[in-house]
Amino acid sequence: VLLPELIVSIVLLLTRDAGLMQETGSIPLLAALLEHVDRFNHLSPGMERDDNEDLAWPGLM
């Protein structure tokens, strides 16, 4: 539930200081988090359907 807030915060932080993520060494931590989220998504029902659909909002394309 808090993942969207984390992503928005990181994007805002990178717009202020692009080198901060490398200086703090947080990239490996975020990469590990992304691996866990990816594994969790592979366990969800309908994963194949979601992977095959276009990445567009319904009604826009």
N, C-alpha and C. Protein backbone atom coordinates (compact mmCIF):
# COMPACT_ATOMS: atom_id res chain seq x y z
N VAL A 1 0.83 -1.19 0.00
CA VAL A 1 0.00 0.00 0.00
C VAL A 1 0.87 1.26 0.00
N LEU A 2 2.00 1.20 0.64
CA LEU A 2 2.86 2.37 0.73
C LEU A 2 3.85 2.47 -0.43
N LEU A 3 3.84 1.51 -1.34
CA LEU A 3 4.78 1.53 -2.45
C LEU A 3 4.60 2.74 -3.35
N PRO A 4 3.38 3.15 -3.70
CA PRO A 4 3.25 4.38 -4.51
C PRO A 4 3.82 5.61 -3.83
N GLU A 5 3.63 5.72 -2.52
CA GLU A 5 4.19 6.86 -1.79
C GLU A 5 5.71 6.83 -1.81
N LEU A 6 6.28 5.63 -1.70
CA LEU A 6 7.73 5.50 -1.76
C LEU A 6 8.27 5.92 -3.12
N ILE A 7 7.60 5.51 -4.17
CA ILE A 7 8.05 5.85 -5.52
C ILE A 7 7.96 7.35 -5.76
N VAL A 8 6.85 7.96 -5.35
CA VAL A 8 6.71 9.41 -5.52
C VAL A 8 7.77 10.15 -4.72
N SER A 9 8.04 9.69 -3.51
CA SER A 9 9.06 10.34 -2.68
C SER A 9 10.44 10.23 -3.31
N ILE A 10 10.76 9.08 -3.87
CA ILE A 10 12.06 8.90 -4.52
C ILE A 10 12.18 9.79 -5.75
N VAL A 11 11.12 9.87 -6.54
CA VAL A 11 11.16 10.73 -7.73
C VAL A 11 11.34 12.19 -7.33
N LEU A 12 10.62 12.63 -6.32
CA LEU A 12 10.78 14.01 -5.85
C LEU A 12 12.18 14.26 -5.31
N LEU A 13 12.72 13.29 -4.60
CA LEU A 13 14.07 13.42 -4.07
C LEU A 13 15.10 13.50 -5.19
N LEU A 14 14.91 12.70 -6.23
CA LEU A 14 15.85 12.71 -7.35
C LEU A 14 15.77 14.01 -8.15
N THR A 15 14.62 14.66 -8.15
CA THR A 15 14.53 15.95 -8.85
C THR A 15 15.29 17.03 -8.08
N ARG A 16 15.41 16.87 -6.78
CA ARG A 16 16.16 17.83 -5.97
C ARG A 16 17.67 17.60 -6.05
N ASP A 17 18.06 16.33 -5.88
CA ASP A 17 19.49 15.99 -5.85
C ASP A 17 19.67 14.61 -6.49
N ALA A 18 20.06 14.59 -7.75
CA ALA A 18 20.14 13.34 -8.50
C ALA A 18 21.21 12.39 -7.96
N GLY A 19 22.26 12.89 -7.38
CA GLY A 19 23.33 12.03 -6.89
C GLY A 19 23.12 11.49 -5.50
N LEU A 20 22.07 11.90 -4.83
CA LEU A 20 21.85 11.51 -3.44
C LEU A 20 21.65 10.01 -3.28
N MET A 21 20.95 9.39 -4.22
CA MET A 21 20.69 7.95 -4.12
C MET A 21 21.99 7.16 -4.15
N GLN A 22 22.92 7.56 -5.00
CA GLN A 22 24.20 6.84 -5.07
C GLN A 22 25.06 7.14 -3.85
N GLU A 23 25.02 8.36 -3.38
CA GLU A 23 25.83 8.74 -2.21
C GLU A 23 25.41 7.98 -0.96
N THR A 24 24.12 7.75 -0.80
CA THR A 24 23.63 7.08 0.40
C THR A 24 23.68 5.56 0.29
N GLY A 25 23.90 5.04 -0.91
CA GLY A 25 23.98 3.59 -1.10
C GLY A 25 22.63 2.90 -1.00
N SER A 26 21.57 3.59 -1.33
CA SER A 26 20.24 3.01 -1.19
C SER A 26 19.79 2.25 -2.43
N ILE A 27 20.55 2.30 -3.50
CA ILE A 27 20.14 1.60 -4.73
C ILE A 27 20.10 0.08 -4.53
N PRO A 28 21.10 -0.56 -3.91
CA PRO A 28 20.99 -2.01 -3.68
C PRO A 28 19.79 -2.39 -2.81
N LEU A 29 19.46 -1.56 -1.85
CA LEU A 29 18.30 -1.83 -0.99
C LEU A 29 17.01 -1.79 -1.81
N LEU A 30 16.89 -0.79 -2.66
CA LEU A 30 15.69 -0.69 -3.49
C LEU A 30 15.63 -1.79 -4.53
N ALA A 31 16.77 -2.23 -5.03
CA ALA A 31 16.80 -3.34 -5.99
C ALA A 31 16.30 -4.62 -5.32
N ALA A 32 16.71 -4.85 -4.08
CA ALA A 32 16.24 -6.02 -3.35
C ALA A 32 14.74 -5.95 -3.11
N LEU A 33 14.24 -4.77 -2.78
CA LEU A 33 12.80 -4.58 -2.58
C LEU A 33 12.04 -4.87 -3.87
N LEU A 34 12.57 -4.41 -4.99
CA LEU A 34 11.93 -4.64 -6.28
C LEU A 34 11.88 -6.13 -6.62
N GLU A 35 12.93 -6.87 -6.28
CA GLU A 35 12.92 -8.32 -6.52
C GLU A 35 11.80 -9.00 -5.73
N HIS A 36 11.62 -8.61 -4.47
CA HIS A 36 10.56 -9.20 -3.65
C HIS A 36 9.18 -8.85 -4.19
N VAL A 37 8.99 -7.62 -4.61
CA VAL A 37 7.70 -7.21 -5.16
C VAL A 37 7.43 -7.95 -6.46
N ASP A 38 8.45 -8.16 -7.27
CA ASP A 38 8.29 -8.88 -8.53
C ASP A 38 7.91 -10.34 -8.27
N ARG A 39 8.54 -10.97 -7.29
CA ARG A 39 8.18 -12.35 -6.95
C ARG A 39 6.74 -12.43 -6.45
N PHE A 40 6.33 -11.45 -5.65
CA PHE A 40 4.96 -11.41 -5.15
C PHE A 40 3.97 -11.26 -6.31
N ASN A 41 4.29 -10.43 -7.28
CA ASN A 41 3.41 -10.24 -8.43
C ASN A 41 3.28 -11.50 -9.26
N HIS A 42 4.33 -12.30 -9.32
CA HIS A 42 4.25 -13.55 -10.07
C HIS A 42 3.34 -14.57 -9.39
N LEU A 43 3.08 -14.42 -8.12
CA LEU A 43 2.19 -15.32 -7.40
C LEU A 43 0.72 -14.94 -7.57
N SER A 44 0.45 -13.76 -8.05
CA SER A 44 -0.93 -13.29 -8.14
C SER A 44 -1.69 -13.99 -9.27
N PRO A 45 -2.99 -14.22 -9.06
CA PRO A 45 -3.78 -14.82 -10.13
C PRO A 45 -3.96 -13.84 -11.28
N GLY A 46 -3.96 -14.35 -12.49
CA GLY A 46 -4.14 -13.49 -13.66
C GLY A 46 -2.88 -12.79 -14.10
N MET A 47 -1.73 -13.26 -13.65
CA MET A 47 -0.48 -12.61 -14.00
C MET A 47 -0.23 -12.65 -15.50
N GLU A 48 -0.53 -13.79 -16.13
CA GLU A 48 -0.31 -13.92 -17.57
C GLU A 48 -1.17 -12.92 -18.34
N ARG A 49 -2.40 -12.77 -17.91
CA ARG A 49 -3.30 -11.83 -18.57
C ARG A 49 -2.78 -10.40 -18.45
N ASP A 50 -2.34 -10.05 -17.26
CA ASP A 50 -1.83 -8.69 -17.04
C ASP A 50 -0.56 -8.44 -17.85
N ASP A 51 0.29 -9.45 -17.98
CA ASP A 51 1.52 -9.29 -18.75
C ASP A 51 1.25 -9.15 -20.24
N ASN A 52 0.17 -9.76 -20.71
CA ASN A 52 -0.12 -9.73 -22.14
C ASN A 52 -0.90 -8.49 -22.57
N GLU A 53 -1.55 -7.82 -21.63
CA GLU A 53 -2.33 -6.63 -21.98
C GLU A 53 -1.41 -5.44 -22.24
N ASP A 54 -1.90 -4.52 -23.05
CA ASP A 54 -1.14 -3.29 -23.30
C ASP A 54 -1.09 -2.46 -22.03
N LEU A 55 -0.05 -1.68 -21.90
CA LEU A 55 0.09 -0.82 -20.73
C LEU A 55 -0.60 0.52 -21.00
N ALA A 56 -1.87 0.47 -21.22
CA ALA A 56 -2.65 1.68 -21.48
C ALA A 56 -3.84 1.71 -20.52
N TRP A 57 -4.30 2.89 -20.24
CA TRP A 57 -5.47 3.02 -19.40
C TRP A 57 -6.70 2.65 -20.22
N PRO A 58 -7.66 1.97 -19.60
CA PRO A 58 -8.86 1.60 -20.34
C PRO A 58 -9.59 2.84 -20.87
N GLY A 59 -9.99 2.76 -22.12
CA GLY A 59 -10.74 3.84 -22.72
C GLY A 59 -9.89 4.89 -23.41
N LEU A 60 -8.59 4.86 -23.22
CA LEU A 60 -7.73 5.86 -23.85
C LEU A 60 -7.22 5.40 -25.20
N MET A 61 -7.07 4.13 -25.39
CA MET A 61 -6.53 3.62 -26.65
C MET A 61 -7.50 2.67 -27.29
